[in-house]
Amino acid sequence: MELTACIKALEQLKPGDHEITVYTDSAYLFNCIHKKWYLNWQKNGWRNARKQPVENRDLWERLLNLTASQKVDFRKVAGHSGDELNERADTLAKKGIEEAKKGARS
């Protein structure tokens, strides 16, 4: 979900000279970008260190394409630790899940 949310947010921006900061509580997202895991994944044919296919390759490729053309800074925040905006994002995500469930039942 974190990958999709980040992708959707970046897709809303018009191409240009923006300085974008993405705050995330996802260690997976943050570490991939900051530790540049994706470089090894690409070099190894989208296989991880265990020689398994990288999960969500399609999402990673979309995200990397979006970040390649813009200046994006990723910052890690602790999840469920009282950060006001992180808590708000979590509340909205839960609300979206509930609405999607209701729509699927209709």
Protein backbone atom coordinates (compact mmCIF):
# COMPACT_ATOMS: atom_id res chain seq x y z
CA MET A 1 0.00 0.00 0.00
CA GLU A 2 2.84 2.39 0.78
CA LEU A 3 4.27 1.98 -2.72
CA THR A 4 0.91 2.58 -4.35
CA ALA A 5 0.20 5.63 -2.18
CA CYS A 6 3.56 7.15 -3.02
CA ILE A 7 3.10 6.46 -6.73
CA LYS A 8 -0.39 7.95 -6.79
CA ALA A 9 0.78 11.07 -4.99
CA LEU A 10 3.72 11.61 -7.35
CA GLU A 11 1.50 11.00 -10.38
CA GLN A 12 -0.69 13.92 -9.31
CA LEU A 13 2.16 16.38 -9.74
CA LYS A 14 2.74 18.08 -13.03
CA PRO A 15 6.23 17.63 -14.42
CA GLY A 16 8.45 20.45 -13.36
CA ASP A 17 11.16 21.57 -11.05
CA HIS A 18 9.54 20.53 -7.77
CA GLU A 19 11.31 19.65 -4.57
CA ILE A 20 9.23 16.86 -3.09
CA THR A 21 9.54 15.34 0.36
CA VAL A 22 7.90 11.98 1.00
CA TYR A 23 7.46 11.03 4.63
CA THR A 24 7.00 7.31 5.16
CA ASP A 25 6.79 4.87 8.03
CA SER A 26 7.58 2.04 5.62
CA ALA A 27 11.08 0.70 6.23
CA TYR A 28 10.76 -1.27 2.98
CA LEU A 29 10.13 1.85 0.90
CA PHE A 30 12.64 4.03 2.74
CA ASN A 31 15.44 1.47 2.79
CA CYS A 32 15.01 0.56 -0.85
CA ILE A 33 15.50 4.17 -1.85
CA HIS A 34 18.20 5.17 0.63
CA LYS A 35 20.20 1.95 0.49
CA LYS A 36 19.65 1.76 -3.27
CA TRP A 37 18.46 -1.85 -3.19
CA TYR A 38 16.84 -1.23 -6.55
CA LEU A 39 20.25 -0.92 -8.23
CA ASN A 40 21.11 -4.52 -7.35
CA TRP A 41 17.61 -5.65 -8.24
CA GLN A 42 17.95 -4.12 -11.69
CA LYS A 43 21.48 -5.46 -12.16
CA ASN A 44 20.33 -8.96 -11.13
CA GLY A 45 17.32 -9.06 -13.44
CA TRP A 46 14.90 -7.95 -10.74
CA ARG A 47 15.94 -10.68 -8.32
CA ASN A 48 16.57 -9.99 -4.65
CA ALA A 49 19.53 -11.14 -2.52
CA ARG A 50 17.87 -14.55 -2.11
CA LYS A 51 17.68 -14.90 -5.92
CA GLN A 52 13.88 -14.63 -5.75
CA PRO A 53 11.88 -12.30 -8.00
CA VAL A 54 11.42 -8.87 -6.40
CA GLU A 55 7.86 -8.51 -5.18
CA ASN A 56 5.86 -5.66 -6.67
CA ARG A 57 8.36 -5.13 -9.46
CA ASP A 58 5.75 -3.26 -11.50
CA LEU A 59 5.21 -0.80 -8.66
CA TRP A 60 8.92 -0.33 -8.05
CA GLU A 61 9.48 0.38 -11.72
CA ARG A 62 6.68 2.96 -11.74
CA LEU A 63 8.04 4.62 -8.61
CA LEU A 64 11.60 4.69 -9.91
CA ASN A 65 10.45 6.22 -13.20
CA LEU A 66 8.59 8.94 -11.30
CA THR A 67 11.51 9.72 -9.00
CA ALA A 68 14.03 9.74 -11.85
CA SER A 69 12.50 12.85 -13.37
CA GLN A 70 11.91 14.79 -10.14
CA LYS A 71 13.83 15.72 -7.03
CA VAL A 72 12.29 13.52 -4.35
CA ASP A 73 13.59 13.29 -0.79
CA PHE A 74 12.37 10.32 1.26
CA ARG A 75 12.27 10.69 5.03
CA LYS A 76 11.51 7.99 7.58
CA VAL A 77 9.05 8.64 10.38
CA ALA A 78 8.12 6.25 13.15
CA GLY A 79 4.72 4.69 12.62
CA HIS A 80 2.07 4.83 15.32
CA SER A 81 4.20 7.11 17.48
CA GLY A 82 2.01 10.17 17.64
CA ASP A 83 3.27 11.94 14.51
CA GLU A 84 0.16 13.94 13.61
CA LEU A 85 0.41 13.61 9.84
CA ASN A 86 1.39 9.95 9.98
CA GLU A 87 -1.60 9.20 12.20
CA ARG A 88 -3.85 11.13 9.79
CA ALA A 89 -2.53 9.13 6.84
CA ASP A 90 -3.18 5.89 8.72
CA THR A 91 -6.74 6.99 9.52
CA LEU A 92 -7.39 7.86 5.86
CA ALA A 93 -5.94 4.55 4.69
CA LYS A 94 -8.21 2.61 7.05
CA LYS A 95 -11.20 4.66 5.89
CA GLY A 96 -10.34 3.90 2.27
CA ILE A 97 -10.15 0.18 3.00
CA GLU A 98 -13.56 0.24 4.66
CA GLU A 99 -15.09 2.16 1.75
CA ALA A 100 -13.58 -0.30 -0.73
CA LYS A 101 -15.02 -3.22 1.25
CA LYS A 102 -18.46 -1.59 1.25
CA GLY A 103 -18.24 -0.98 -2.49
CA ALA A 104 -17.25 -4.60 -3.12
CA ARG A 105 -20.28 -5.82 -1.18
CA SER A 106 -22.67 -3.64 -3.20
